[in-house]
Amino acid sequence: MTETAAQAELKEIVKILGALCRRLETIHDQLPVPPQETAMLVGEEEMDVATEVRSTIECVLHDSLRPAIGDLRTAAAYRPQREKEG
């Protein structure tokens, strides 16, 4: 595989991951927020399914997917400094 082909493939993967993020955001936004959510998040009450799913989606997006997308997008656009100067 050439470097150009690899970067093109990374750009496609970034699009796919972006679509997955949007799907996760939709799931997150469509789940109900219970009035006792704060108590659940601080451990005062057991989490219900909606709160657990919403919390997990938030963590995955923030900690994993969005940083990965940024890193892959950077790699897909990377050019060595010598190429930029020449």
Protein backbone atom coordinates (compact mmCIF):
# COMPACT_ATOMS: atom_id res chain seq x y z
CA MET A 1 0.00 0.00 0.00
CA THR A 2 1.32 3.43 -0.84
CA GLU A 3 1.42 6.24 1.68
CA THR A 4 -1.15 8.15 -0.38
CA ALA A 5 -3.49 5.15 -0.39
CA ALA A 6 -3.05 4.71 3.36
CA GLN A 7 -3.90 8.36 3.99
CA ALA A 8 -6.94 8.09 1.72
CA GLU A 9 -8.05 5.03 3.67
CA LEU A 10 -7.60 6.93 6.93
CA LYS A 11 -9.83 9.71 5.60
CA GLU A 12 -12.54 7.12 4.88
CA ILE A 13 -12.16 5.64 8.37
CA VAL A 14 -12.50 9.13 9.87
CA LYS A 15 -15.81 9.53 8.01
CA ILE A 16 -17.04 6.15 9.27
CA LEU A 17 -16.01 6.93 12.85
CA GLY A 18 -17.72 10.32 12.58
CA ALA A 19 -20.92 8.58 11.51
CA LEU A 20 -20.61 6.18 14.46
CA CYS A 21 -20.18 9.14 16.80
CA ARG A 22 -23.35 10.70 15.43
CA ARG A 23 -25.23 7.41 15.94
CA LEU A 24 -24.01 7.21 19.52
CA GLU A 25 -24.99 10.84 20.11
CA THR A 26 -28.48 10.09 18.79
CA ILE A 27 -28.86 7.14 21.17
CA HIS A 28 -27.57 9.30 24.02
CA ASP A 29 -29.94 12.16 23.23
CA GLN A 30 -33.00 9.94 22.89
CA LEU A 31 -32.65 8.28 26.28
CA PRO A 32 -34.54 9.83 29.18
CA VAL A 33 -32.68 11.71 31.89
CA PRO A 34 -34.14 10.64 35.21
CA PRO A 35 -34.55 13.26 37.95
CA GLN A 36 -32.20 11.27 40.21
CA GLU A 37 -29.39 11.11 37.60
CA THR A 38 -27.01 13.23 39.70
CA ALA A 39 -27.42 10.91 42.67
CA MET A 40 -26.75 7.95 40.39
CA LEU A 41 -23.61 9.50 38.93
CA VAL A 42 -22.10 10.20 42.35
CA GLY A 43 -22.92 6.69 43.56
CA GLU A 44 -25.71 7.54 45.98
CA GLU A 45 -28.17 5.45 43.98
CA GLU A 46 -27.76 2.52 41.64
CA MET A 47 -27.73 3.55 38.00
CA ASP A 48 -30.64 2.70 35.80
CA VAL A 49 -30.04 1.41 32.27
CA ALA A 50 -30.54 4.80 30.58
CA THR A 51 -28.06 6.53 32.88
CA GLU A 52 -25.48 3.77 32.48
CA VAL A 53 -25.79 3.83 28.68
CA ARG A 54 -25.70 7.64 28.50
CA SER A 55 -22.67 7.75 30.80
CA THR A 56 -20.83 5.07 28.84
CA ILE A 57 -21.51 6.82 25.53
CA GLU A 58 -20.24 10.12 26.93
CA CYS A 59 -17.02 8.47 28.14
CA VAL A 60 -16.41 6.56 24.91
CA LEU A 61 -16.93 9.66 22.80
CA HIS A 62 -14.82 11.93 24.99
CA ASP A 63 -12.03 9.54 25.96
CA SER A 64 -11.70 7.36 22.88
CA LEU A 65 -13.52 8.09 19.66
CA ARG A 66 -13.13 11.86 19.33
CA PRO A 67 -9.40 11.80 20.20
CA ALA A 68 -8.90 8.86 17.79
CA ILE A 69 -10.69 10.74 15.03
CA GLY A 70 -8.47 13.77 15.62
CA ASP A 71 -5.30 11.68 15.58
CA LEU A 72 -6.33 9.79 12.44
CA ARG A 73 -7.34 13.03 10.69
CA THR A 74 -3.92 14.49 11.53
CA ALA A 75 -2.15 11.39 10.20
CA ALA A 76 -4.27 11.46 7.04
CA ALA A 77 -3.18 15.04 6.35
CA TYR A 78 0.44 14.69 7.51
CA ARG A 79 3.22 15.99 5.32
CA PRO A 80 6.85 16.13 6.42
CA GLN A 81 8.17 19.64 6.91
CA ARG A 82 10.64 19.21 4.02
CA GLU A 83 7.73 18.60 1.62
CA LYS A 84 5.99 21.73 2.86
CA GLU A 85 9.09 23.84 2.31
CA GLY A 86 9.94 22.42 -1.10
